Amino acid sequence: MNGSPGAQRPRRARLKVSGSRTSQRDGRISLTVTVRKGTPVAPMVRLSLRDRRSGHRVLPAFHSDNHLWTFGVTAQGYRTPRVSNR
């Protein structure tokens, strides 16, 4: 950050994403993951759905939580967003 005496370079946030659940119904594929709090706060975290074989993003993809803010993670310490192709 340029010239501001109080400005600091933001630290990289580390999030723990684990345990996926995949379901298929009527051509719709849904993936649910668990996102646990990390430090520092991570604003505007965006999840993407990727093809396991090619590594390419699956589009269109629809999110139950479009962008996550880790300080918005609930009191139990995690959220379980869902991403689907329809």
PDB file of N, CA and C in Angstrom:
ATOM      1  N   MET A   1       0.847  -1.149   0.000  1.00  0.00           N
ATOM      2  CA  MET A   1       0.000   0.000   0.000  1.00  0.00           C
ATOM      3  C   MET A   1       0.901   1.222   0.000  1.00  0.00           C
ATOM      4  N   ASN A   2       0.598   2.146  -0.813  1.00  0.00           N
ATOM      5  CA  ASN A   2       1.513   3.254  -1.065  1.00  0.00           C
ATOM      6  C   ASN A   2       1.284   4.442  -0.154  1.00  0.00           C
ATOM      7  N   GLY A   3       2.307   4.840   0.555  1.00  0.00           N
ATOM      8  CA  GLY A   3       2.337   6.114   1.226  1.00  0.00           C
ATOM      9  C   GLY A   3       1.559   6.254   2.514  1.00  0.00           C
ATOM     10  N   SER A   4       0.671   5.389   2.859  1.00  0.00           N
ATOM     11  CA  SER A   4      -0.095   5.527   4.090  1.00  0.00           C
ATOM     12  C   SER A   4       0.709   4.950   5.238  1.00  0.00           C
ATOM     13  N   PRO A   5       1.039   5.791   6.223  1.00  0.00           N
ATOM     14  CA  PRO A   5       1.879   5.294   7.311  1.00  0.00           C
ATOM     15  C   PRO A   5       1.237   4.167   8.116  1.00  0.00           C
ATOM     16  N   GLY A   6      -0.091   4.124   8.219  1.00  0.00           N
ATOM     17  CA  GLY A   6      -0.744   3.086   9.008  1.00  0.00           C
ATOM     18  C   GLY A   6      -1.155   1.870   8.196  1.00  0.00           C
ATOM     19  N   ALA A   7      -0.954   1.931   6.884  1.00  0.00           N
ATOM     20  CA  ALA A   7      -1.407   0.827   6.034  1.00  0.00           C
ATOM     21  C   ALA A   7      -0.466  -0.368   6.154  1.00  0.00           C
ATOM     22  N   GLN A   8      -1.044  -1.535   6.130  1.00  0.00           N
ATOM     23  CA  GLN A   8      -0.261  -2.767   6.187  1.00  0.00           C
ATOM     24  C   GLN A   8      -0.634  -3.641   5.010  1.00  0.00           C
ATOM     25  N   ARG A   9       0.303  -4.445   4.605  1.00  0.00           N
ATOM     26  CA  ARG A   9       0.022  -5.412   3.544  1.00  0.00           C
ATOM     27  C   ARG A   9      -0.857  -6.513   4.142  1.00  0.00           C
ATOM     28  N   PRO A  10      -1.970  -6.849   3.474  1.00  0.00           N
ATOM     29  CA  PRO A  10      -2.855  -7.882   4.022  1.00  0.00           C
ATOM     30  C   PRO A  10      -2.163  -9.242   4.102  1.00  0.00           C
ATOM     31  N   ARG A  11      -2.471  -9.981   5.158  1.00  0.00           N
ATOM     32  CA  ARG A  11      -1.933 -11.336   5.298  1.00  0.00           C
ATOM     33  C   ARG A  11      -2.815 -12.311   4.538  1.00  0.00           C
ATOM     34  N   ARG A  12      -2.231 -13.386   4.069  1.00  0.00           N
ATOM     35  CA  ARG A  12      -3.001 -14.442   3.395  1.00  0.00           C
ATOM     36  C   ARG A  12      -3.817 -15.196   4.432  1.00  0.00           C
ATOM     37  N   ALA A  13      -5.063 -15.404   4.113  1.00  0.00           N
ATOM     38  CA  ALA A  13      -5.932 -16.175   5.006  1.00  0.00           C
ATOM     39  C   ALA A  13      -5.845 -17.650   4.632  1.00  0.00           C
ATOM     40  N   ARG A  14      -5.895 -18.478   5.623  1.00  0.00           N
ATOM     41  CA  ARG A  14      -5.894 -19.920   5.395  1.00  0.00           C
ATOM     42  C   ARG A  14      -7.233 -20.468   5.879  1.00  0.00           C
ATOM     43  N   LEU A  15      -7.964 -21.044   4.945  1.00  0.00           N
ATOM     44  CA  LEU A  15      -9.250 -21.648   5.271  1.00  0.00           C
ATOM     45  C   LEU A  15      -9.125 -23.160   5.219  1.00  0.00           C
ATOM     46  N   LYS A  16      -9.925 -23.819   5.997  1.00  0.00           N
ATOM     47  CA  LYS A  16      -9.964 -25.280   5.964  1.00  0.00           C
ATOM     48  C   LYS A  16     -11.261 -25.687   5.277  1.00  0.00           C
ATOM     49  N   VAL A  17     -11.129 -26.318   4.123  1.00  0.00           N
ATOM     50  CA  VAL A  17     -12.281 -26.806   3.370  1.00  0.00           C
ATOM     51  C   VAL A  17     -12.175 -28.321   3.342  1.00  0.00           C
ATOM     52  N   SER A  18     -13.220 -28.997   3.780  1.00  0.00           N
ATOM     53  CA  SER A  18     -13.131 -30.454   3.870  1.00  0.00           C
ATOM     54  C   SER A  18     -14.491 -31.104   3.683  1.00  0.00           C
ATOM     55  N   GLY A  19     -14.443 -32.415   3.656  1.00  0.00           N
ATOM     56  CA  GLY A  19     -15.632 -33.239   3.661  1.00  0.00           C
ATOM     57  C   GLY A  19     -16.682 -32.849   2.649  1.00  0.00           C
ATOM     58  N   SER A  20     -16.569 -33.345   1.463  1.00  0.00           N
ATOM     59  CA  SER A  20     -17.567 -32.999   0.456  1.00  0.00           C
ATOM     60  C   SER A  20     -18.639 -34.070   0.364  1.00  0.00           C
ATOM     61  N   ARG A  21     -19.823 -33.623   0.019  1.00  0.00           N
ATOM     62  CA  ARG A  21     -20.940 -34.531  -0.224  1.00  0.00           C
ATOM     63  C   ARG A  21     -21.478 -34.203  -1.612  1.00  0.00           C
ATOM     64  N   THR A  22     -21.545 -35.182  -2.475  1.00  0.00           N
ATOM     65  CA  THR A  22     -22.015 -34.983  -3.846  1.00  0.00           C
ATOM     66  C   THR A  22     -23.331 -35.709  -4.027  1.00  0.00           C
ATOM     67  N   SER A  23     -24.255 -35.051  -4.720  1.00  0.00           N
ATOM     68  CA  SER A  23     -25.520 -35.711  -5.029  1.00  0.00           C
ATOM     69  C   SER A  23     -25.907 -35.415  -6.472  1.00  0.00           C
ATOM     70  N   GLN A  24     -26.637 -36.329  -7.078  1.00  0.00           N
ATOM     71  CA  GLN A  24     -27.129 -36.171  -8.446  1.00  0.00           C
ATOM     72  C   GLN A  24     -28.615 -36.445  -8.459  1.00  0.00           C
ATOM     73  N   ARG A  25     -29.348 -35.548  -9.153  1.00  0.00           N
ATOM     74  CA  ARG A  25     -30.787 -35.745  -9.279  1.00  0.00           C
ATOM     75  C   ARG A  25     -31.281 -34.992 -10.502  1.00  0.00           C
ATOM     76  N   ASP A  26     -31.944 -35.677 -11.403  1.00  0.00           N
ATOM     77  CA  ASP A  26     -32.511 -35.076 -12.617  1.00  0.00           C
ATOM     78  C   ASP A  26     -31.478 -34.254 -13.390  1.00  0.00           C
ATOM     79  N   GLY A  27     -30.256 -34.764 -13.508  1.00  0.00           N
ATOM     80  CA  GLY A  27     -29.209 -34.072 -14.248  1.00  0.00           C
ATOM     81  C   GLY A  27     -28.516 -32.964 -13.479  1.00  0.00           C
ATOM     82  N   ARG A  28     -28.947 -32.725 -12.260  1.00  0.00           N
ATOM     83  CA  ARG A  28     -28.335 -31.688 -11.425  1.00  0.00           C
ATOM     84  C   ARG A  28     -27.301 -32.331 -10.514  1.00  0.00           C
ATOM     85  N   ILE A  29     -26.103 -31.797 -10.517  1.00  0.00           N
ATOM     86  CA  ILE A  29     -25.030 -32.280  -9.652  1.00  0.00           C
ATOM     87  C   ILE A  29     -24.782 -31.214  -8.600  1.00  0.00           C
ATOM     88  N   SER A  30     -24.814 -31.603  -7.332  1.00  0.00           N
ATOM     89  CA  SER A  30     -24.584 -30.672  -6.232  1.00  0.00           C
ATOM     90  C   SER A  30     -23.416 -31.150  -5.390  1.00  0.00           C
ATOM     91  N   LEU A  31     -22.615 -30.217  -4.938  1.00  0.00           N
ATOM     92  CA  LEU A  31     -21.469 -30.504  -4.085  1.00  0.00           C
ATOM     93  C   LEU A  31     -21.593 -29.635  -2.845  1.00  0.00           C
ATOM     94  N   THR A  32     -21.527 -30.255  -1.678  1.00  0.00           N
ATOM     95  CA  THR A  32     -21.584 -29.529  -0.415  1.00  0.00           C
ATOM     96  C   THR A  32     -20.264 -29.743   0.309  1.00  0.00           C
ATOM     97  N   VAL A  33     -19.659 -28.657   0.783  1.00  0.00           N
ATOM     98  CA  VAL A  33     -18.386 -28.741   1.502  1.00  0.00           C
ATOM     99  C   VAL A  33     -18.521 -28.048   2.850  1.00  0.00           C
ATOM    100  N   THR A  34     -17.578 -28.304   3.729  1.00  0.00           N
ATOM    101  CA  THR A  34     -17.519 -27.632   5.018  1.00  0.00           C
ATOM    102  C   THR A  34     -16.358 -26.649   4.990  1.00  0.00           C
ATOM    103  N   VAL A  35     -16.653 -25.376   5.265  1.00  0.00           N
ATOM    104  CA  VAL A  35     -15.632 -24.329   5.315  1.00  0.00           C
ATOM    105  C   VAL A  35     -15.504 -23.904   6.768  1.00  0.00           C
ATOM    106  N   ARG A  36     -14.307 -24.076   7.322  1.00  0.00           N
ATOM    107  CA  ARG A  36     -14.059 -23.701   8.718  1.00  0.00           C
ATOM    108  C   ARG A  36     -13.342 -22.365   8.782  1.00  0.00           C
ATOM    109  N   LYS A  37     -13.543 -21.678   9.902  1.00  0.00           N
ATOM    110  CA  LYS A  37     -12.920 -20.371  10.099  1.00  0.00           C
ATOM    111  C   LYS A  37     -11.413 -20.458   9.970  1.00  0.00           C
ATOM    112  N   GLY A  38     -10.849 -19.414   9.426  1.00  0.00           N
ATOM    113  CA  GLY A  38      -9.402 -19.300   9.349  1.00  0.00           C
ATOM    114  C   GLY A  38      -8.972 -17.982   9.956  1.00  0.00           C
ATOM    115  N   THR A  39      -7.698 -17.735   9.959  1.00  0.00           N
ATOM    116  CA  THR A  39      -7.200 -16.440  10.408  1.00  0.00           C
ATOM    117  C   THR A  39      -6.241 -15.936   9.360  1.00  0.00           C
ATOM    118  N   PRO A  40      -6.181 -14.696   9.108  1.00  0.00           N
ATOM    119  CA  PRO A  40      -7.100 -13.657   9.570  1.00  0.00           C
ATOM    120  C   PRO A  40      -8.440 -13.790   8.862  1.00  0.00           C
ATOM    121  N   VAL A  41      -9.336 -12.823   9.090  1.00  0.00           N
ATOM    122  CA  VAL A  41     -10.633 -12.802   8.408  1.00  0.00           C
ATOM    123  C   VAL A  41     -10.397 -12.778   6.908  1.00  0.00           C
ATOM    124  N   ALA A  42     -11.142 -13.577   6.181  1.00  0.00           N
ATOM    125  CA  ALA A  42     -11.011 -13.636   4.722  1.00  0.00           C
ATOM    126  C   ALA A  42     -12.288 -13.089   4.092  1.00  0.00           C
ATOM    127  N   PRO A  43     -12.236 -11.869   3.552  1.00  0.00           N
ATOM    128  CA  PRO A  43     -13.434 -11.310   2.931  1.00  0.00           C
ATOM    129  C   PRO A  43     -13.631 -11.829   1.511  1.00  0.00           C
ATOM    130  N   MET A  44     -14.879 -12.011   1.134  1.00  0.00           N
ATOM    131  CA  MET A  44     -15.270 -12.315  -0.239  1.00  0.00           C
ATOM    132  C   MET A  44     -14.618 -13.581  -0.805  1.00  0.00           C
ATOM    133  N   VAL A  45     -14.645 -14.669  -0.054  1.00  0.00           N
ATOM    134  CA  VAL A  45     -14.130 -15.953  -0.531  1.00  0.00           C
ATOM    135  C   VAL A  45     -15.136 -16.520  -1.526  1.00  0.00           C
ATOM    136  N   ARG A  46     -14.671 -16.903  -2.685  1.00  0.00           N
ATOM    137  CA  ARG A  46     -15.548 -17.452  -3.724  1.00  0.00           C
ATOM    138  C   ARG A  46     -15.146 -18.892  -3.991  1.00  0.00           C
ATOM    139  N   LEU A  47     -16.102 -19.780  -3.935  1.00  0.00           N
ATOM    140  CA  LEU A  47     -15.853 -21.187  -4.231  1.00  0.00           C
ATOM    141  C   LEU A  47     -16.133 -21.438  -5.701  1.00  0.00           C
ATOM    142  N   SER A  48     -15.412 -22.358  -6.300  1.00  0.00           N
ATOM    143  CA  SER A  48     -15.694 -22.716  -7.689  1.00  0.00           C
ATOM    144  C   SER A  48     -15.781 -24.232  -7.806  1.00  0.00           C
ATOM    145  N   LEU A  49     -16.598 -24.668  -8.738  1.00  0.00           N
ATOM    146  CA  LEU A  49     -16.801 -26.084  -9.011  1.00  0.00           C
ATOM    147  C   LEU A  49     -15.897 -26.455 -10.175  1.00  0.00           C
ATOM    148  N   ARG A  50     -15.043 -27.475  -9.996  1.00  0.00           N
ATOM    149  CA  ARG A  50     -14.082 -27.866 -11.030  1.00  0.00           C
ATOM    150  C   ARG A  50     -14.245 -29.332 -11.398  1.00  0.00           C
ATOM    151  N   ASP A  51     -14.026 -29.606 -12.669  1.00  0.00           N
ATOM    152  CA  ASP A  51     -14.057 -30.976 -13.165  1.00  0.00           C
ATOM    153  C   ASP A  51     -12.830 -31.711 -12.641  1.00  0.00           C
ATOM    154  N   ARG A  52     -13.028 -32.854 -12.045  1.00  0.00           N
ATOM    155  CA  ARG A  52     -11.923 -33.604 -11.436  1.00  0.00           C
ATOM    156  C   ARG A  52     -10.865 -33.999 -12.459  1.00  0.00           C
ATOM    157  N   ARG A  53     -11.280 -34.402 -13.661  1.00  0.00           N
ATOM    158  CA  ARG A  53     -10.324 -34.879 -14.664  1.00  0.00           C
ATOM    159  C   ARG A  53      -9.560 -33.748 -15.337  1.00  0.00           C
ATOM    160  N   SER A  54     -10.262 -32.714 -15.767  1.00  0.00           N
ATOM    161  CA  SER A  54      -9.604 -31.656 -16.547  1.00  0.00           C
ATOM    162  C   SER A  54      -9.109 -30.496 -15.693  1.00  0.00           C
ATOM    163  N   GLY A  55      -9.711 -30.293 -14.529  1.00  0.00           N
ATOM    164  CA  GLY A  55      -9.355 -29.149 -13.699  1.00  0.00           C
ATOM    165  C   GLY A  55     -10.057 -27.862 -14.116  1.00  0.00           C
ATOM    166  N   HIS A  56     -10.845 -27.907 -15.202  1.00  0.00           N
ATOM    167  CA  HIS A  56     -11.561 -26.720 -15.671  1.00  0.00           C
ATOM    168  C   HIS A  56     -12.775 -26.435 -14.786  1.00  0.00           C
ATOM    169  N   ARG A  57     -13.125 -25.150 -14.691  1.00  0.00           N
ATOM    170  CA  ARG A  57     -14.324 -24.760 -13.949  1.00  0.00           C
ATOM    171  C   ARG A  57     -15.570 -25.271 -14.651  1.00  0.00           C
ATOM    172  N   VAL A  58     -16.557 -25.680 -13.877  1.00  0.00           N
ATOM    173  CA  VAL A  58     -17.855 -26.090 -14.406  1.00  0.00           C
ATOM    174  C   VAL A  58     -18.749 -24.858 -14.401  1.00  0.00           C
ATOM    175  N   LEU A  59     -19.207 -24.471 -15.585  1.00  0.00           N
ATOM    176  CA  LEU A  59     -20.066 -23.294 -15.721  1.00  0.00           C
ATOM    177  C   LEU A  59     -21.298 -23.663 -16.522  1.00  0.00           C
ATOM    178  N   PRO A  60     -22.458 -23.164 -16.231  1.00  0.00           N
ATOM    179  CA  PRO A  60     -22.709 -22.279 -15.093  1.00  0.00           C
ATOM    180  C   PRO A  60     -22.711 -23.074 -13.785  1.00  0.00           C
ATOM    181  N   ALA A  61     -22.427 -22.388 -12.706  1.00  0.00           N
ATOM    182  CA  ALA A  61     -22.477 -22.980 -11.374  1.00  0.00           C
ATOM    183  C   ALA A  61     -23.249 -22.021 -10.475  1.00  0.00           C
ATOM    184  N   PHE A  62     -24.094 -22.563  -9.651  1.00  0.00           N
ATOM    185  CA  PHE A  62     -24.928 -21.760  -8.765  1.00  0.00           C
ATOM    186  C   PHE A  62     -24.552 -22.064  -7.324  1.00  0.00           C
ATOM    187  N   HIS A  63     -24.430 -21.020  -6.514  1.00  0.00           N
ATOM    188  CA  HIS A  63     -23.928 -21.138  -5.150  1.00  0.00           C
ATOM    189  C   HIS A  63     -25.016 -20.803  -4.137  1.00  0.00           C
ATOM    190  N   SER A  64     -25.080 -21.571  -3.051  1.00  0.00           N
ATOM    191  CA  SER A  64     -26.005 -21.230  -1.967  1.00  0.00           C
ATOM    192  C   SER A  64     -25.498 -20.000  -1.217  1.00  0.00           C
ATOM    193  N   ASP A  65     -24.196 -19.830  -1.152  1.00  0.00           N
ATOM    194  CA  ASP A  65     -23.549 -18.636  -0.594  1.00  0.00           C
ATOM    195  C   ASP A  65     -22.604 -18.132  -1.664  1.00  0.00           C
ATOM    196  N   ASN A  66     -22.962 -17.040  -2.336  1.00  0.00           N
ATOM    197  CA  ASN A  66     -22.175 -16.569  -3.468  1.00  0.00           C
ATOM    198  C   ASN A  66     -20.749 -16.202  -3.070  1.00  0.00           C
ATOM    199  N   HIS A  67     -20.599 -15.414  -2.033  1.00  0.00           N
ATOM    200  CA  HIS A  67     -19.282 -15.057  -1.500  1.00  0.00           C
ATOM    201  C   HIS A  67     -19.340 -15.222   0.011  1.00  0.00           C
ATOM    202  N   LEU A  68     -18.343 -15.856   0.574  1.00  0.00           N
ATOM    203  CA  LEU A  68     -18.288 -16.070   2.019  1.00  0.00           C
ATOM    204  C   LEU A  68     -17.378 -15.040   2.665  1.00  0.00           C
ATOM    205  N   TRP A  69     -17.759 -14.587   3.813  1.00  0.00           N
ATOM    206  CA  TRP A  69     -16.884 -13.790   4.670  1.00  0.00           C
ATOM    207  C   TRP A  69     -16.621 -14.673   5.872  1.00  0.00           C
ATOM    208  N   THR A  70     -15.372 -14.953   6.188  1.00  0.00           N
ATOM    209  CA  THR A  70     -15.117 -15.937   7.244  1.00  0.00           C
ATOM    210  C   THR A  70     -15.524 -15.444   8.614  1.00  0.00           C
ATOM    211  N   PHE A  71     -15.613 -14.116   8.828  1.00  0.00           N
ATOM    212  CA  PHE A  71     -16.117 -13.713  10.143  1.00  0.00           C
ATOM    213  C   PHE A  71     -17.621 -13.932  10.231  1.00  0.00           C
ATOM    214  N   GLY A  72     -18.277 -14.207   9.096  1.00  0.00           N
ATOM    215  CA  GLY A  72     -19.695 -14.526   9.082  1.00  0.00           C
ATOM    216  C   GLY A  72     -19.961 -16.000   9.323  1.00  0.00           C
ATOM    217  N   VAL A  73     -18.888 -16.780   9.465  1.00  0.00           N
ATOM    218  CA  VAL A  73     -19.055 -18.202   9.765  1.00  0.00           C
ATOM    219  C   VAL A  73     -19.737 -18.300  11.125  1.00  0.00           C
ATOM    220  N   THR A  74     -20.678 -19.172  11.237  1.00  0.00           N
ATOM    221  CA  THR A  74     -21.531 -19.239  12.418  1.00  0.00           C
ATOM    222  C   THR A  74     -20.768 -19.579  13.693  1.00  0.00           C
ATOM    223  N   ALA A  75     -21.461 -19.478  14.814  1.00  0.00           N
ATOM    224  CA  ALA A  75     -20.843 -19.707  16.122  1.00  0.00           C
ATOM    225  C   ALA A  75     -20.221 -21.094  16.243  1.00  0.00           C
ATOM    226  N   GLN A  76     -20.765 -22.081  15.545  1.00  0.00           N
ATOM    227  CA  GLN A  76     -20.172 -23.415  15.633  1.00  0.00           C
ATOM    228  C   GLN A  76     -18.841 -23.503  14.890  1.00  0.00           C
ATOM    229  N   GLY A  77     -18.472 -22.458  14.150  1.00  0.00           N
ATOM    230  CA  GLY A  77     -17.150 -22.404  13.542  1.00  0.00           C
ATOM    231  C   GLY A  77     -17.060 -22.861  12.105  1.00  0.00           C
ATOM    232  N   TYR A  78     -18.211 -23.118  11.460  1.00  0.00           N
ATOM    233  CA  TYR A  78     -18.142 -23.559  10.072  1.00  0.00           C
ATOM    234  C   TYR A  78     -19.429 -23.207   9.329  1.00  0.00           C
ATOM    235  N   ARG A  79     -19.370 -23.291   8.007  1.00  0.00           N
ATOM    236  CA  ARG A  79     -20.540 -23.164   7.136  1.00  0.00           C
ATOM    237  C   ARG A  79     -20.487 -24.287   6.122  1.00  0.00           C
ATOM    238  N   THR A  80     -21.624 -24.639   5.578  1.00  0.00           N
ATOM    239  CA  THR A  80     -21.674 -25.709   4.584  1.00  0.00           C
ATOM    240  C   THR A  80     -22.364 -25.201   3.317  1.00  0.00           C
ATOM    241  N   PRO A  81     -21.633 -24.464   2.490  1.00  0.00           N
ATOM    242  CA  PRO A  81     -22.219 -23.980   1.240  1.00  0.00           C
ATOM    243  C   PRO A  81     -22.371 -25.106   0.225  1.00  0.00           C
ATOM    244  N   ARG A  82     -23.299 -24.908  -0.713  1.00  0.00           N
ATOM    245  CA  ARG A  82     -23.557 -25.888  -1.766  1.00  0.00           C
ATOM    246  C   ARG A  82     -23.355 -25.219  -3.115  1.00  0.00           C
ATOM    247  N   VAL A  83     -22.725 -25.934  -4.040  1.00  0.00           N
ATOM    248  CA  VAL A  83     -22.527 -25.463  -5.411  1.00  0.00           C
ATOM    249  C   VAL A  83     -23.150 -26.504  -6.328  1.00  0.00           C
ATOM    250  N   SER A  84     -23.933 -26.052  -7.312  1.00  0.00           N
ATOM    251  CA  SER A  84     -24.544 -26.999  -8.244  1.00  0.00           C
ATOM    252  C   SER A  84     -24.478 -26.467  -9.665  1.00  0.00           C
ATOM    253  N   ASN A  85     -24.685 -27.356 -10.624  1.00  0.00           N
ATOM    254  CA  ASN A  85     -24.606 -26.968 -12.029  1.00  0.00           C
ATOM    255  C   ASN A  85     -25.952 -26.503 -12.576  1.00  0.00           C
ATOM    256  N   ARG A  86     -27.013 -26.516 -11.791  1.00  0.00           N
ATOM    257  CA  ARG A  86     -28.330 -26.014 -12.211  1.00  0.00           C
ATOM    258  C   ARG A  86     -29.059 -25.428 -11.049  1.00  0.00           C
TER     259      ARG A  86
END
